[in-house]
Amino acid sequence: NPTFILNNSDYNGSILVAGDNFGCGSSREHAAW
C-alpha cells in the first residue's frame, strides 16, 4: 500500500512515533514481538 507510512522510503529508523492510545485492544504479546 503506497500510502502507508512504513512503505514510504523517505522514512526509516528504529523509533516509531505514534498517535495517542497506542497498543489498546486485546492483550497479545505478539504485538510487541
PDB file of all heavy atoms in Angstrom:
ATOM      1  N   ASN A   1       0.865  -1.170   0.000  1.00  0.00           N
ATOM      2  CA  ASN A   1       0.000   0.000   0.000  1.00  0.00           C
ATOM      3  C   ASN A   1       0.909   1.229   0.000  1.00  0.00           C
ATOM      4  O   ASN A   1       1.547   1.525   1.008  1.00  0.00           O
ATOM      5  CB  ASN A   1      -0.896  -0.006   1.244  1.00  0.00           C
ATOM      6  CG  ASN A   1      -1.698   1.264   1.393  1.00  0.00           C
ATOM      7  OD1 ASN A   1      -1.612   2.183   0.581  1.00  0.00           O
ATOM      8  ND2 ASN A   1      -2.474   1.335   2.459  1.00  0.00           N
ATOM      9  N   PRO A   2       1.002   1.946  -1.106  1.00  0.00           N
ATOM     10  CA  PRO A   2       1.955   3.056  -1.200  1.00  0.00           C
ATOM     11  C   PRO A   2       1.629   4.234  -0.292  1.00  0.00           C
ATOM     12  O   PRO A   2       2.484   5.075  -0.031  1.00  0.00           O
ATOM     13  CB  PRO A   2       1.873   3.476  -2.675  1.00  0.00           C
ATOM     14  CG  PRO A   2       0.532   3.023  -3.130  1.00  0.00           C
ATOM     15  CD  PRO A   2       0.215   1.785  -2.335  1.00  0.00           C
ATOM     16  N   THR A   3       0.406   4.289   0.244  1.00  0.00           N
ATOM     17  CA  THR A   3       0.032   5.415   1.100  1.00  0.00           C
ATOM     18  C   THR A   3       0.375   5.180   2.569  1.00  0.00           C
ATOM     19  O   THR A   3       0.290   6.103   3.375  1.00  0.00           O
ATOM     20  CB  THR A   3      -1.474   5.723   0.984  1.00  0.00           C
ATOM     21  OG1 THR A   3      -2.218   4.615   1.485  1.00  0.00           O
ATOM     22  CG2 THR A   3      -1.854   6.008  -0.463  1.00  0.00           C
ATOM     23  N   PHE A   4       0.759   3.952   2.936  1.00  0.00           N
ATOM     24  CA  PHE A   4       1.063   3.679   4.344  1.00  0.00           C
ATOM     25  C   PHE A   4       2.491   4.086   4.659  1.00  0.00           C
ATOM     26  O   PHE A   4       3.420   3.807   3.905  1.00  0.00           O
ATOM     27  CB  PHE A   4       0.819   2.207   4.689  1.00  0.00           C
ATOM     28  CG  PHE A   4       0.968   1.926   6.153  1.00  0.00           C
ATOM     29  CD1 PHE A   4       0.153   2.570   7.081  1.00  0.00           C
ATOM     30  CD2 PHE A   4       1.918   1.037   6.614  1.00  0.00           C
ATOM     31  CE1 PHE A   4       0.288   2.329   8.442  1.00  0.00           C
ATOM     32  CE2 PHE A   4       2.060   0.794   7.974  1.00  0.00           C
ATOM     33  CZ  PHE A   4       1.241   1.441   8.889  1.00  0.00           C
ATOM     34  N   ILE A   5       2.682   4.720   5.799  1.00  0.00           N
ATOM     35  CA  ILE A   5       3.951   5.347   6.156  1.00  0.00           C
ATOM     36  C   ILE A   5       5.136   4.383   6.171  1.00  0.00           C
ATOM     37  O   ILE A   5       6.245   4.762   5.792  1.00  0.00           O
ATOM     38  CB  ILE A   5       3.828   6.109   7.509  1.00  0.00           C
ATOM     39  CG1 ILE A   5       5.004   7.055   7.699  1.00  0.00           C
ATOM     40  CG2 ILE A   5       3.682   5.149   8.669  1.00  0.00           C
ATOM     41  CD1 ILE A   5       5.016   8.223   6.769  1.00  0.00           C
ATOM     42  N   LEU A   6       4.946   3.119   6.562  1.00  0.00           N
ATOM     43  CA  LEU A   6       6.072   2.177   6.578  1.00  0.00           C
ATOM     44  C   LEU A   6       6.545   1.828   5.171  1.00  0.00           C
ATOM     45  O   LEU A   6       7.641   1.306   4.996  1.00  0.00           O
ATOM     46  CB  LEU A   6       5.721   0.897   7.342  1.00  0.00           C
ATOM     47  CG  LEU A   6       6.117   0.892   8.821  1.00  0.00           C
ATOM     48  CD1 LEU A   6       5.362   1.930   9.609  1.00  0.00           C
ATOM     49  CD2 LEU A   6       5.939  -0.476   9.427  1.00  0.00           C
ATOM     50  N   ASN A   7       5.728   2.125   4.175  1.00  0.00           N
ATOM     51  CA  ASN A   7       6.110   1.880   2.782  1.00  0.00           C
ATOM     52  C   ASN A   7       6.661   3.126   2.107  1.00  0.00           C
ATOM     53  O   ASN A   7       6.957   3.108   0.918  1.00  0.00           O
ATOM     54  CB  ASN A   7       4.915   1.343   1.993  1.00  0.00           C
ATOM     55  CG  ASN A   7       4.471  -0.010   2.497  1.00  0.00           C
ATOM     56  OD1 ASN A   7       5.278  -0.783   3.010  1.00  0.00           O
ATOM     57  ND2 ASN A   7       3.197  -0.309   2.375  1.00  0.00           N
ATOM     58  N   ASN A   8       6.795   4.207   2.855  1.00  0.00           N
ATOM     59  CA  ASN A   8       7.343   5.456   2.331  1.00  0.00           C
ATOM     60  C   ASN A   8       8.852   5.442   2.550  1.00  0.00           C
ATOM     61  O   ASN A   8       9.324   5.521   3.688  1.00  0.00           O
ATOM     62  CB  ASN A   8       6.699   6.646   3.043  1.00  0.00           C
ATOM     63  CG  ASN A   8       7.150   7.985   2.503  1.00  0.00           C
ATOM     64  OD1 ASN A   8       8.234   8.104   1.933  1.00  0.00           O
ATOM     65  ND2 ASN A   8       6.333   8.997   2.701  1.00  0.00           N
ATOM     66  N   SER A   9       9.615   5.342   1.491  1.00  0.00           N
ATOM     67  CA  SER A   9      11.074   5.201   1.600  1.00  0.00           C
ATOM     68  C   SER A   9      11.756   6.440   2.176  1.00  0.00           C
ATOM     69  O   SER A   9      12.929   6.395   2.541  1.00  0.00           O
ATOM     70  CB  SER A   9      11.683   4.859   0.235  1.00  0.00           C
ATOM     71  OG  SER A   9      11.402   5.895  -0.691  1.00  0.00           O
ATOM     72  N   ASP A  10      11.035   7.550   2.271  1.00  0.00           N
ATOM     73  CA  ASP A  10      11.607   8.749   2.901  1.00  0.00           C
ATOM     74  C   ASP A  10      11.817   8.556   4.397  1.00  0.00           C
ATOM     75  O   ASP A  10      12.638   9.223   5.009  1.00  0.00           O
ATOM     76  CB  ASP A  10      10.699   9.966   2.697  1.00  0.00           C
ATOM     77  CG  ASP A  10      10.650  10.416   1.248  1.00  0.00           C
ATOM     78  OD1 ASP A  10      11.567  10.046   0.477  1.00  0.00           O
ATOM     79  OD2 ASP A  10       9.699  11.129   0.887  1.00  0.00           O
ATOM     80  N   TYR A  11      11.024   7.641   5.004  1.00  0.00           N
ATOM     81  CA  TYR A  11      11.075   7.425   6.448  1.00  0.00           C
ATOM     82  C   TYR A  11      11.665   6.059   6.774  1.00  0.00           C
ATOM     83  O   TYR A  11      11.309   5.065   6.155  1.00  0.00           O
ATOM     84  CB  TYR A  11       9.676   7.526   7.058  1.00  0.00           C
ATOM     85  CG  TYR A  11       9.102   8.914   6.965  1.00  0.00           C
ATOM     86  CD1 TYR A  11       8.213   9.244   5.950  1.00  0.00           C
ATOM     87  CD2 TYR A  11       9.445   9.889   7.890  1.00  0.00           C
ATOM     88  CE1 TYR A  11       7.684  10.527   5.857  1.00  0.00           C
ATOM     89  CE2 TYR A  11       8.929  11.171   7.807  1.00  0.00           C
ATOM     90  CZ  TYR A  11       8.055  11.486   6.792  1.00  0.00           C
ATOM     91  OH  TYR A  11       7.536  12.749   6.701  1.00  0.00           O
ATOM     92  N   ASN A  12      12.534   6.045   7.756  1.00  0.00           N
ATOM     93  CA  ASN A  12      13.065   4.787   8.290  1.00  0.00           C
ATOM     94  C   ASN A  12      13.620   5.061   9.670  1.00  0.00           C
ATOM     95  O   ASN A  12      13.634   6.189  10.136  1.00  0.00           O
ATOM     96  CB  ASN A  12      14.121   4.187   7.353  1.00  0.00           C
ATOM     97  CG  ASN A  12      15.281   5.127   7.121  1.00  0.00           C
ATOM     98  OD1 ASN A  12      15.999   5.482   8.062  1.00  0.00           O
ATOM     99  ND2 ASN A  12      15.468   5.568   5.881  1.00  0.00           N
ATOM    100  N   GLY A  13      14.072   4.026  10.326  1.00  0.00           N
ATOM    101  CA  GLY A  13      14.634   4.175  11.656  1.00  0.00           C
ATOM    102  C   GLY A  13      14.053   3.163  12.614  1.00  0.00           C
ATOM    103  O   GLY A  13      13.136   2.408  12.279  1.00  0.00           O
ATOM    104  N   SER A  14      14.583   3.152  13.834  1.00  0.00           N
ATOM    105  CA  SER A  14      14.152   2.175  14.822  1.00  0.00           C
ATOM    106  C   SER A  14      13.251   2.781  15.901  1.00  0.00           C
ATOM    107  O   SER A  14      13.046   2.182  16.943  1.00  0.00           O
ATOM    108  CB  SER A  14      15.370   1.496  15.455  1.00  0.00           C
ATOM    109  OG  SER A  14      16.261   2.457  15.966  1.00  0.00           O
ATOM    110  N   ILE A  15      12.723   3.975  15.614  1.00  0.00           N
ATOM    111  CA  ILE A  15      11.780   4.628  16.528  1.00  0.00           C
ATOM    112  C   ILE A  15      10.469   4.866  15.781  1.00  0.00           C
ATOM    113  O   ILE A  15      10.457   5.420  14.688  1.00  0.00           O
ATOM    114  CB  ILE A  15      12.337   5.970  17.047  1.00  0.00           C
ATOM    115  CG1 ILE A  15      13.661   5.759  17.797  1.00  0.00           C
ATOM    116  CG2 ILE A  15      11.314   6.663  17.939  1.00  0.00           C
ATOM    117  CD1 ILE A  15      14.350   7.042  18.217  1.00  0.00           C
ATOM    118  N   LEU A  16       9.371   4.435  16.395  1.00  0.00           N
ATOM    119  CA  LEU A  16       8.036   4.686  15.854  1.00  0.00           C
ATOM    120  C   LEU A  16       7.373   5.751  16.715  1.00  0.00           C
ATOM    121  O   LEU A  16       7.254   5.578  17.932  1.00  0.00           O
ATOM    122  CB  LEU A  16       7.195   3.405  15.865  1.00  0.00           C
ATOM    123  CG  LEU A  16       5.769   3.531  15.325  1.00  0.00           C
ATOM    124  CD1 LEU A  16       5.773   3.817  13.822  1.00  0.00           C
ATOM    125  CD2 LEU A  16       4.962   2.266  15.613  1.00  0.00           C
ATOM    126  N   VAL A  17       7.000   6.854  16.104  1.00  0.00           N
ATOM    127  CA  VAL A  17       6.277   7.916  16.805  1.00  0.00           C
ATOM    128  C   VAL A  17       4.814   7.776  16.416  1.00  0.00           C
ATOM    129  O   VAL A  17       4.447   8.011  15.269  1.00  0.00           O
ATOM    130  CB  VAL A  17       6.837   9.314  16.447  1.00  0.00           C
ATOM    131  CG1 VAL A  17       6.037  10.398  17.151  1.00  0.00           C
ATOM    132  CG2 VAL A  17       8.314   9.402  16.818  1.00  0.00           C
ATOM    133  N   ALA A  18       4.000   7.352  17.379  1.00  0.00           N
ATOM    134  CA  ALA A  18       2.606   7.010  17.102  1.00  0.00           C
ATOM    135  C   ALA A  18       1.646   7.982  17.780  1.00  0.00           C
ATOM    136  O   ALA A  18       2.032   8.743  18.658  1.00  0.00           O
ATOM    137  CB  ALA A  18       2.329   5.589  17.584  1.00  0.00           C
ATOM    138  N   GLY A  19       0.395   7.912  17.364  1.00  0.00           N
ATOM    139  CA  GLY A  19      -0.641   8.731  17.971  1.00  0.00           C
ATOM    140  C   GLY A  19      -0.989   8.267  19.377  1.00  0.00           C
ATOM    141  O   GLY A  19      -0.420   7.312  19.902  1.00  0.00           O
ATOM    142  N   ASP A  20      -1.949   8.934  19.972  1.00  0.00           N
ATOM    143  CA  ASP A  20      -2.378   8.649  21.338  1.00  0.00           C
ATOM    144  C   ASP A  20      -2.995   7.257  21.457  1.00  0.00           C
ATOM    145  O   ASP A  20      -3.569   6.743  20.507  1.00  0.00           O
ATOM    146  CB  ASP A  20      -3.401   9.716  21.764  1.00  0.00           C
ATOM    147  CG  ASP A  20      -3.811   9.581  23.210  1.00  0.00           C
ATOM    148  OD1 ASP A  20      -2.921   9.598  24.083  1.00  0.00           O
ATOM    149  OD2 ASP A  20      -5.023   9.444  23.471  1.00  0.00           O
ATOM    150  N   ASN A  21      -2.879   6.656  22.645  1.00  0.00           N
ATOM    151  CA  ASN A  21      -3.512   5.384  22.990  1.00  0.00           C
ATOM    152  C   ASN A  21      -3.016   4.229  22.117  1.00  0.00           C
ATOM    153  O   ASN A  21      -3.786   3.481  21.530  1.00  0.00           O
ATOM    154  CB  ASN A  21      -5.036   5.502  22.915  1.00  0.00           C
ATOM    155  CG  ASN A  21      -5.731   4.350  23.600  1.00  0.00           C
ATOM    156  OD1 ASN A  21      -5.201   3.724  24.508  1.00  0.00           O
ATOM    157  ND2 ASN A  21      -6.943   4.059  23.163  1.00  0.00           N
ATOM    158  N   PHE A  22      -1.713   4.068  22.066  1.00  0.00           N
ATOM    159  CA  PHE A  22      -1.107   3.011  21.266  1.00  0.00           C
ATOM    160  C   PHE A  22      -1.136   1.684  22.020  1.00  0.00           C
ATOM    161  O   PHE A  22      -0.855   1.623  23.205  1.00  0.00           O
ATOM    162  CB  PHE A  22       0.342   3.373  20.928  1.00  0.00           C
ATOM    163  CG  PHE A  22       0.977   2.452  19.935  1.00  0.00           C
ATOM    164  CD1 PHE A  22       0.803   2.653  18.574  1.00  0.00           C
ATOM    165  CD2 PHE A  22       1.742   1.374  20.347  1.00  0.00           C
ATOM    166  CE1 PHE A  22       1.383   1.800  17.643  1.00  0.00           C
ATOM    167  CE2 PHE A  22       2.331   0.519  19.430  1.00  0.00           C
ATOM    168  CZ  PHE A  22       2.150   0.728  18.080  1.00  0.00           C
ATOM    169  N   GLY A  23      -1.486   0.620  21.308  1.00  0.00           N
ATOM    170  CA  GLY A  23      -1.468  -0.724  21.886  1.00  0.00           C
ATOM    171  C   GLY A  23      -2.721  -1.094  22.651  1.00  0.00           C
ATOM    172  O   GLY A  23      -2.705  -2.020  23.464  1.00  0.00           O
ATOM    173  N   CYS A  24      -3.819  -0.406  22.368  1.00  0.00           N
ATOM    174  CA  CYS A  24      -5.077  -0.727  23.046  1.00  0.00           C
ATOM    175  C   CYS A  24      -5.642  -2.027  22.458  1.00  0.00           C
ATOM    176  O   CYS A  24      -5.074  -2.619  21.564  1.00  0.00           O
ATOM    177  CB  CYS A  24      -6.070   0.424  22.902  1.00  0.00           C
ATOM    178  SG  CYS A  24      -6.417   0.918  21.198  1.00  0.00           S
ATOM    179  N   GLY A  25      -6.765  -2.464  22.983  1.00  0.00           N
ATOM    180  CA  GLY A  25      -7.397  -3.675  22.464  1.00  0.00           C
ATOM    181  C   GLY A  25      -6.982  -4.909  23.238  1.00  0.00           C
ATOM    182  O   GLY A  25      -6.607  -4.833  24.407  1.00  0.00           O
ATOM    183  N   SER A  26      -7.027  -6.049  22.572  1.00  0.00           N
ATOM    184  CA  SER A  26      -6.759  -7.313  23.250  1.00  0.00           C
ATOM    185  C   SER A  26      -5.303  -7.402  23.700  1.00  0.00           C
ATOM    186  O   SER A  26      -4.419  -6.791  23.117  1.00  0.00           O
ATOM    187  CB  SER A  26      -7.111  -8.484  22.331  1.00  0.00           C
ATOM    188  OG  SER A  26      -6.326  -8.440  21.168  1.00  0.00           O
ATOM    189  N   SER A  27      -5.087  -8.192  24.731  1.00  0.00           N
ATOM    190  CA  SER A  27      -3.740  -8.301  25.313  1.00  0.00           C
ATOM    191  C   SER A  27      -2.973  -9.415  24.616  1.00  0.00           C
ATOM    192  O   SER A  27      -3.097 -10.576  24.971  1.00  0.00           O
ATOM    193  CB  SER A  27      -3.847  -8.590  26.809  1.00  0.00           C
ATOM    194  OG  SER A  27      -4.591  -9.766  27.039  1.00  0.00           O
ATOM    195  N   ARG A  28      -2.183  -9.047  23.630  1.00  0.00           N
ATOM    196  CA  ARG A  28      -1.393 -10.056  22.928  1.00  0.00           C
ATOM    197  C   ARG A  28       0.068  -9.641  22.896  1.00  0.00           C
ATOM    198  O   ARG A  28       0.417  -8.587  22.392  1.00  0.00           O
ATOM    199  CB  ARG A  28      -1.935 -10.310  21.527  1.00  0.00           C
ATOM    200  CG  ARG A  28      -2.032  -9.095  20.647  1.00  0.00           C
ATOM    201  CD  ARG A  28      -2.573  -9.444  19.275  1.00  0.00           C
ATOM    202  NE  ARG A  28      -3.973  -9.808  19.362  1.00  0.00           N
ATOM    203  CZ  ARG A  28      -4.822  -9.704  18.361  1.00  0.00           C
ATOM    204  NH1 ARG A  28      -4.434  -9.249  17.208  1.00  0.00           N
ATOM    205  NH2 ARG A  28      -6.072 -10.063  18.501  1.00  0.00           N
ATOM    206  N   GLU A  29       0.901 -10.495  23.448  1.00  0.00           N
ATOM    207  CA  GLU A  29       2.334 -10.232  23.462  1.00  0.00           C
ATOM    208  C   GLU A  29       2.894 -10.217  22.038  1.00  0.00           C
ATOM    209  O   GLU A  29       3.919  -9.602  21.769  1.00  0.00           O
ATOM    210  CB  GLU A  29       3.041 -11.293  24.311  1.00  0.00           C
ATOM    211  CG  GLU A  29       4.486 -10.983  24.581  1.00  0.00           C
ATOM    212  CD  GLU A  29       5.123 -11.943  25.555  1.00  0.00           C
ATOM    213  OE1 GLU A  29       4.582 -13.050  25.765  1.00  0.00           O
ATOM    214  OE2 GLU A  29       6.179 -11.586  26.095  1.00  0.00           O
ATOM    215  N   HIS A  30       2.192 -10.863  21.138  1.00  0.00           N
ATOM    216  CA  HIS A  30       2.626 -10.919  19.735  1.00  0.00           C
ATOM    217  C   HIS A  30       2.783  -9.529  19.130  1.00  0.00           C
ATOM    218  O   HIS A  30       3.568  -9.333  18.206  1.00  0.00           O
ATOM    219  CB  HIS A  30       1.614 -11.720  18.915  1.00  0.00           C
ATOM    220  CG  HIS A  30       1.375 -13.101  19.431  1.00  0.00           C
ATOM    221  ND1 HIS A  30       0.598 -13.337  20.540  1.00  0.00           N
ATOM    222  CD2 HIS A  30       1.813 -14.314  19.003  1.00  0.00           C
ATOM    223  CE1 HIS A  30       0.562 -14.648  20.757  1.00  0.00           C
ATOM    224  NE2 HIS A  30       1.292 -15.258  19.853  1.00  0.00           N
ATOM    225  N   ALA A  31       2.029  -8.537  19.633  1.00  0.00           N
ATOM    226  CA  ALA A  31       2.150  -7.169  19.109  1.00  0.00           C
ATOM    227  C   ALA A  31       3.552  -6.632  19.372  1.00  0.00           C
ATOM    228  O   ALA A  31       4.183  -6.044  18.485  1.00  0.00           O
ATOM    229  CB  ALA A  31       1.101  -6.260  19.734  1.00  0.00           C
ATOM    230  N   ALA A  32       4.064  -6.856  20.572  1.00  0.00           N
ATOM    231  CA  ALA A  32       5.434  -6.440  20.885  1.00  0.00           C
ATOM    232  C   ALA A  32       6.432  -7.242  20.047  1.00  0.00           C
ATOM    233  O   ALA A  32       7.406  -6.689  19.531  1.00  0.00           O
ATOM    234  CB  ALA A  32       5.714  -6.617  22.374  1.00  0.00           C
ATOM    235  N   TRP A  33       6.198  -8.543  19.896  1.00  0.00           N
ATOM    236  CA  TRP A  33       7.085  -9.377  19.071  1.00  0.00           C
ATOM    237  C   TRP A  33       7.166  -8.831  17.649  1.00  0.00           C
ATOM    238  O   TRP A  33       8.238  -8.788  17.055  1.00  0.00           O
ATOM    239  CB  TRP A  33       6.568 -10.813  18.998  1.00  0.00           C
ATOM    240  CG  TRP A  33       6.590 -11.598  20.262  1.00  0.00           C
ATOM    241  CD1 TRP A  33       7.026 -11.197  21.496  1.00  0.00           C
ATOM    242  CD2 TRP A  33       6.130 -12.932  20.414  1.00  0.00           C
ATOM    243  NE1 TRP A  33       6.866 -12.202  22.400  1.00  0.00           N
ATOM    244  CE2 TRP A  33       6.321 -13.285  21.770  1.00  0.00           C
ATOM    245  CE3 TRP A  33       5.576 -13.863  19.550  1.00  0.00           C
ATOM    246  CZ2 TRP A  33       5.982 -14.537  22.277  1.00  0.00           C
ATOM    247  CZ3 TRP A  33       5.236 -15.118  20.051  1.00  0.00           C
ATOM    248  CH2 TRP A  33       5.440 -15.448  21.399  1.00  0.00           C
TER     249      TRP A  33
END
